[in-house]
Amino acid sequence: MIEMINVYKKYPNGIVAANGIDVEIKQGEFVYVVGPSGAGKSTFIKMMYREERPTTGDILINGVNLATLKANKVPYLRRQIGVVFQDFKLLPRLNVYENVAFALEVIEESPKVIRKRVMEVLELVGLKHKARMFPTELSGGEQQRVSIARSIVNTPKLVIADEPTGNLDPETSWEIMNIFEEINARGTTIIMATHNREIVNTMRHRVIAVEGGLITRDEYGGEYGYEG
């Protein structure tokens, strides 16, 4: 599903965030991306949804090369990828239902399909009863659930999560991870950058470690492997 071929990324300030990365991720996998701060994790995942472009090399998502993809095609690519951020990025003036529905409205889906799909994903994340509430009326964990619902309402084959439990307490983090497990069990590929050692070591999946812009470890059922 995802293939990086000799990917190199150098920023204008001279920092090399990817230094010849080669990796392949198959449909349906659950992959943790770990490593020290500044190791290149964020660049690694941002290149998968074209937030960043490689300096050289190829990145293929379902056969589409992101390195050469024209700018006007990027929005169509992103409709096929769900992205979950650490800081939720919800629209404060929209309620829960509207935040999730927005992802379908921009692709001009029919109102009937929107209502059906939005209520389905809100039920999955346990927030169907809070559909009319606004982000400021929700806890951090509930806001992250809305963010996850929004990321999967288009039924993407790939969900990319950047530190999705970083701002949450431990109990809420486990609840969020159980939702990701359920999404993955339904066939969606999950790629998650995380510093959460306990989650990685308990919920075992493939672990890709990034340091100095290089993949230093790639293990199935691996551990976090860092002190921090």
Protein backbone atom coordinates (compact mmCIF):
# COMPACT_ATOMS: atom_id res chain seq x y z
CA MET A 1 0.00 0.00 0.00
CA ILE A 2 2.81 2.41 0.95
CA GLU A 3 6.31 2.32 -0.43
CA MET A 4 9.20 4.72 0.15
CA ILE A 5 12.11 4.30 -2.22
CA ASN A 6 15.43 6.02 -1.37
CA VAL A 7 13.63 8.99 0.16
CA TYR A 8 15.80 11.95 1.11
CA LYS A 9 14.50 15.12 2.77
CA LYS A 10 16.68 18.14 3.51
CA TYR A 11 15.16 21.33 4.89
CA PRO A 12 16.41 24.82 3.90
CA ASN A 13 18.14 25.16 7.29
CA GLY A 14 20.31 22.15 6.41
CA ILE A 15 18.59 19.60 8.65
CA VAL A 16 18.32 16.18 7.03
CA ALA A 17 15.09 14.57 8.23
CA ALA A 18 15.15 11.60 5.86
CA ASN A 19 18.43 10.13 4.68
CA GLY A 20 17.73 7.44 2.12
CA ILE A 21 14.64 5.74 3.59
CA ASP A 22 13.35 2.51 2.05
CA VAL A 23 10.24 0.93 3.54
CA GLU A 24 7.09 -0.93 2.53
CA ILE A 25 3.81 -1.06 4.48
CA LYS A 26 1.05 -3.44 3.42
CA GLN A 27 -2.71 -2.90 3.51
CA GLY A 28 -4.19 -3.67 6.92
CA GLU A 29 -1.00 -3.27 8.97
CA PHE A 30 -0.80 -1.36 12.26
CA VAL A 31 2.55 0.42 12.48
CA TYR A 32 4.05 2.47 15.30
CA VAL A 33 6.68 5.06 14.32
CA VAL A 34 8.97 5.75 17.26
CA GLY A 35 12.20 7.59 17.96
CA PRO A 36 13.73 10.48 19.92
CA SER A 37 12.49 14.04 19.46
CA GLY A 38 13.91 15.54 16.29
CA ALA A 39 14.65 12.11 14.82
CA GLY A 40 12.50 12.63 11.72
CA LYS A 41 9.25 10.89 12.78
CA SER A 42 6.99 13.81 11.92
CA THR A 43 8.62 14.30 8.54
CA PHE A 44 8.30 10.56 7.89
CA ILE A 45 4.53 10.60 8.35
CA LYS A 46 3.90 14.08 6.89
CA MET A 47 5.42 12.95 3.61
CA MET A 48 2.74 10.23 3.45
CA TYR A 49 -0.04 12.78 3.08
CA ARG A 50 2.04 15.36 1.18
CA GLU A 51 2.30 17.87 4.01
CA GLU A 52 6.00 17.63 3.17
CA ARG A 53 7.61 16.63 -0.12
CA PRO A 54 10.81 14.60 -0.37
CA THR A 55 13.89 16.33 -1.77
CA THR A 56 14.58 13.20 -3.78
CA GLY A 57 13.15 9.69 -3.93
CA ASP A 58 9.69 8.23 -4.49
CA ILE A 59 6.71 7.76 -2.16
CA LEU A 60 3.94 5.54 -3.51
CA ILE A 61 0.47 5.37 -1.94
CA ASN A 62 -1.65 2.77 -3.73
CA GLY A 63 0.51 3.24 -6.80
CA VAL A 64 0.33 7.07 -6.81
CA ASN A 65 3.74 8.77 -6.58
CA LEU A 66 3.44 11.64 -4.11
CA ALA A 67 6.83 13.00 -5.11
CA THR A 68 5.55 13.90 -8.60
CA LEU A 69 1.86 14.40 -7.80
CA LYS A 70 0.56 17.74 -9.10
CA ALA A 71 -0.59 20.20 -6.45
CA ASN A 72 -4.17 20.26 -7.74
CA LYS A 73 -4.39 16.48 -7.19
CA VAL A 74 -3.31 16.60 -3.53
CA PRO A 75 -6.84 17.29 -2.15
CA TYR A 76 -8.10 14.16 -3.93
CA LEU A 77 -5.28 12.14 -2.37
CA ARG A 78 -6.11 13.43 1.11
CA ARG A 79 -9.73 12.37 0.76
CA GLN A 80 -8.43 8.80 0.76
CA ILE A 81 -6.30 9.29 3.89
CA GLY A 82 -7.55 10.00 7.41
CA VAL A 83 -5.25 12.12 9.58
CA VAL A 84 -5.50 12.44 13.39
CA PHE A 85 -3.47 15.13 15.15
CA GLN A 86 -2.32 15.58 18.74
CA ASP A 87 -4.19 18.91 19.04
CA PHE A 88 -7.46 17.63 17.49
CA LYS A 89 -7.88 20.53 14.98
CA LEU A 90 -11.66 20.68 15.38
CA LEU A 91 -13.66 23.64 14.05
CA PRO A 92 -14.85 25.46 17.21
CA ARG A 93 -18.00 26.97 15.68
CA LEU A 94 -19.29 23.60 14.48
CA ASN A 95 -20.83 20.98 16.74
CA VAL A 96 -19.69 17.36 16.86
CA TYR A 97 -22.01 16.24 14.07
CA GLU A 98 -21.04 19.19 11.86
CA ASN A 99 -17.29 18.69 12.43
CA VAL A 100 -17.53 15.11 11.22
CA ALA A 101 -20.01 15.87 8.43
CA PHE A 102 -17.73 18.59 7.05
CA ALA A 103 -15.35 15.97 5.65
CA LEU A 104 -18.19 14.60 3.52
CA GLU A 105 -19.69 17.95 2.61
CA VAL A 106 -16.48 19.11 0.92
CA ILE A 107 -16.73 16.18 -1.49
CA GLU A 108 -20.41 17.00 -2.08
CA GLU A 109 -21.80 13.77 -0.67
CA SER A 110 -25.60 13.59 -0.45
CA PRO A 111 -27.29 14.67 2.83
CA LYS A 112 -28.77 11.19 3.25
CA VAL A 113 -25.38 9.49 3.00
CA ILE A 114 -23.80 12.12 5.25
CA ARG A 115 -26.30 11.60 8.07
CA LYS A 116 -26.05 7.81 7.88
CA ARG A 117 -22.26 7.74 7.80
CA VAL A 118 -21.73 10.42 10.46
CA MET A 119 -24.02 8.68 12.94
CA GLU A 120 -22.28 5.35 12.24
CA VAL A 121 -18.82 6.69 13.06
CA LEU A 122 -20.05 8.64 16.08
CA GLU A 123 -21.50 5.41 17.42
CA LEU A 124 -18.17 3.66 16.80
CA VAL A 125 -16.29 6.25 18.88
CA GLY A 126 -19.01 6.37 21.55
CA LEU A 127 -20.22 9.93 20.95
CA LYS A 128 -23.56 9.50 19.21
CA HIS A 129 -25.28 11.00 22.26
CA LYS A 130 -23.12 14.14 22.06
CA ALA A 131 -23.65 14.90 18.36
CA ARG A 132 -25.07 18.38 19.06
CA MET A 133 -22.43 19.49 21.54
CA PHE A 134 -19.58 21.85 20.65
CA PRO A 135 -15.83 21.14 21.07
CA THR A 136 -15.56 23.47 24.08
CA GLU A 137 -18.18 21.36 25.87
CA LEU A 138 -16.13 18.17 25.47
CA SER A 139 -13.19 16.70 27.36
CA GLY A 140 -9.84 16.28 25.60
CA GLY A 141 -10.52 12.59 25.09
CA GLU A 142 -13.93 13.30 23.60
CA GLN A 143 -12.44 15.88 21.26
CA GLN A 144 -9.91 13.31 20.08
CA ARG A 145 -12.74 10.84 19.46
CA VAL A 146 -14.41 13.44 17.24
CA SER A 147 -11.12 13.89 15.41
CA ILE A 148 -10.91 10.13 14.84
CA ALA A 149 -14.53 10.00 13.67
CA ARG A 150 -13.81 12.77 11.18
CA SER A 151 -10.72 10.95 9.92
CA ILE A 152 -12.63 7.73 9.14
CA VAL A 153 -15.98 9.09 7.93
CA ASN A 154 -14.73 8.87 4.31
CA THR A 155 -13.90 5.18 4.92
CA PRO A 156 -10.22 5.69 4.06
CA LYS A 157 -7.92 2.73 3.59
CA LEU A 158 -5.20 4.54 5.54
CA VAL A 159 -5.28 6.50 8.81
CA ILE A 160 -2.19 8.42 9.90
CA ALA A 161 -2.05 9.52 13.55
CA ASP A 162 0.55 11.97 14.86
CA GLU A 163 0.88 11.56 18.65
CA PRO A 164 -2.90 11.02 19.06
CA THR A 165 -2.63 10.36 22.81
CA GLY A 166 0.02 13.02 23.50
CA ASN A 167 -2.36 15.43 25.28
CA LEU A 168 -4.46 12.80 27.05
CA ASP A 169 -4.35 11.15 30.46
CA PRO A 170 -3.40 7.44 30.61
CA GLU A 171 -6.94 6.08 31.02
CA THR A 172 -8.26 8.13 28.11
CA SER A 173 -5.24 7.13 26.01
CA TRP A 174 -6.18 3.46 26.37
CA GLU A 175 -9.75 4.24 25.33
CA ILE A 176 -8.48 6.00 22.22
CA MET A 177 -6.15 3.11 21.42
CA ASN A 178 -9.04 0.64 21.67
CA ILE A 179 -10.83 2.68 19.00
CA PHE A 180 -7.77 2.51 16.75
CA GLU A 181 -7.62 -1.26 17.31
CA GLU A 182 -11.25 -1.56 16.22
CA ILE A 183 -10.63 0.55 13.10
CA ASN A 184 -7.62 -1.59 12.21
CA ALA A 185 -9.60 -4.79 12.80
CA ARG A 186 -12.00 -3.59 10.10
CA GLY A 187 -9.14 -3.54 7.58
CA THR A 188 -7.86 0.03 7.77
CA THR A 189 -4.10 0.55 7.77
CA ILE A 190 -2.94 2.54 10.82
CA ILE A 191 0.37 4.41 10.99
CA MET A 192 0.93 6.08 14.34
CA ALA A 193 3.82 8.24 15.51
CA THR A 194 4.02 8.00 19.29
CA HIS A 195 6.19 8.53 22.36
CA ASN A 196 3.95 6.35 24.51
CA ARG A 197 6.22 3.53 25.61
CA GLU A 198 3.55 1.66 27.60
CA ILE A 199 1.08 1.54 24.71
CA VAL A 200 3.69 0.30 22.23
CA ASN A 201 4.92 -2.38 24.62
CA THR A 202 1.41 -3.56 25.55
CA MET A 203 -0.48 -3.35 22.25
CA ARG A 204 2.11 -5.09 20.13
CA HIS A 205 2.32 -4.22 16.45
CA ARG A 206 5.02 -3.49 13.91
CA VAL A 207 7.50 -0.89 15.19
CA ILE A 208 9.55 1.33 12.87
CA ALA A 209 12.23 3.31 14.71
CA VAL A 210 13.53 6.49 13.10
CA GLU A 211 16.76 8.17 14.19
CA GLY A 212 18.78 10.79 12.36
CA GLY A 213 16.53 10.44 9.32
CA LEU A 214 17.20 6.71 9.06
CA ILE A 215 15.13 3.64 9.86
CA THR A 216 17.24 1.99 12.53
CA ARG A 217 14.80 -0.77 13.49
CA ASP A 218 11.80 -2.44 11.86
CA GLU A 219 10.25 -5.21 13.94
CA TYR A 220 6.92 -7.01 13.94
CA GLY A 221 5.58 -7.18 17.49
CA GLY A 222 8.46 -4.97 18.58
CA GLU A 223 8.94 -2.85 21.69
CA TYR A 224 9.31 0.89 22.09
CA GLY A 225 13.02 0.54 22.81
CA TYR A 226 13.80 3.96 24.30
CA GLU A 227 14.09 5.20 27.87
CA GLY A 228 11.95 8.28 27.26
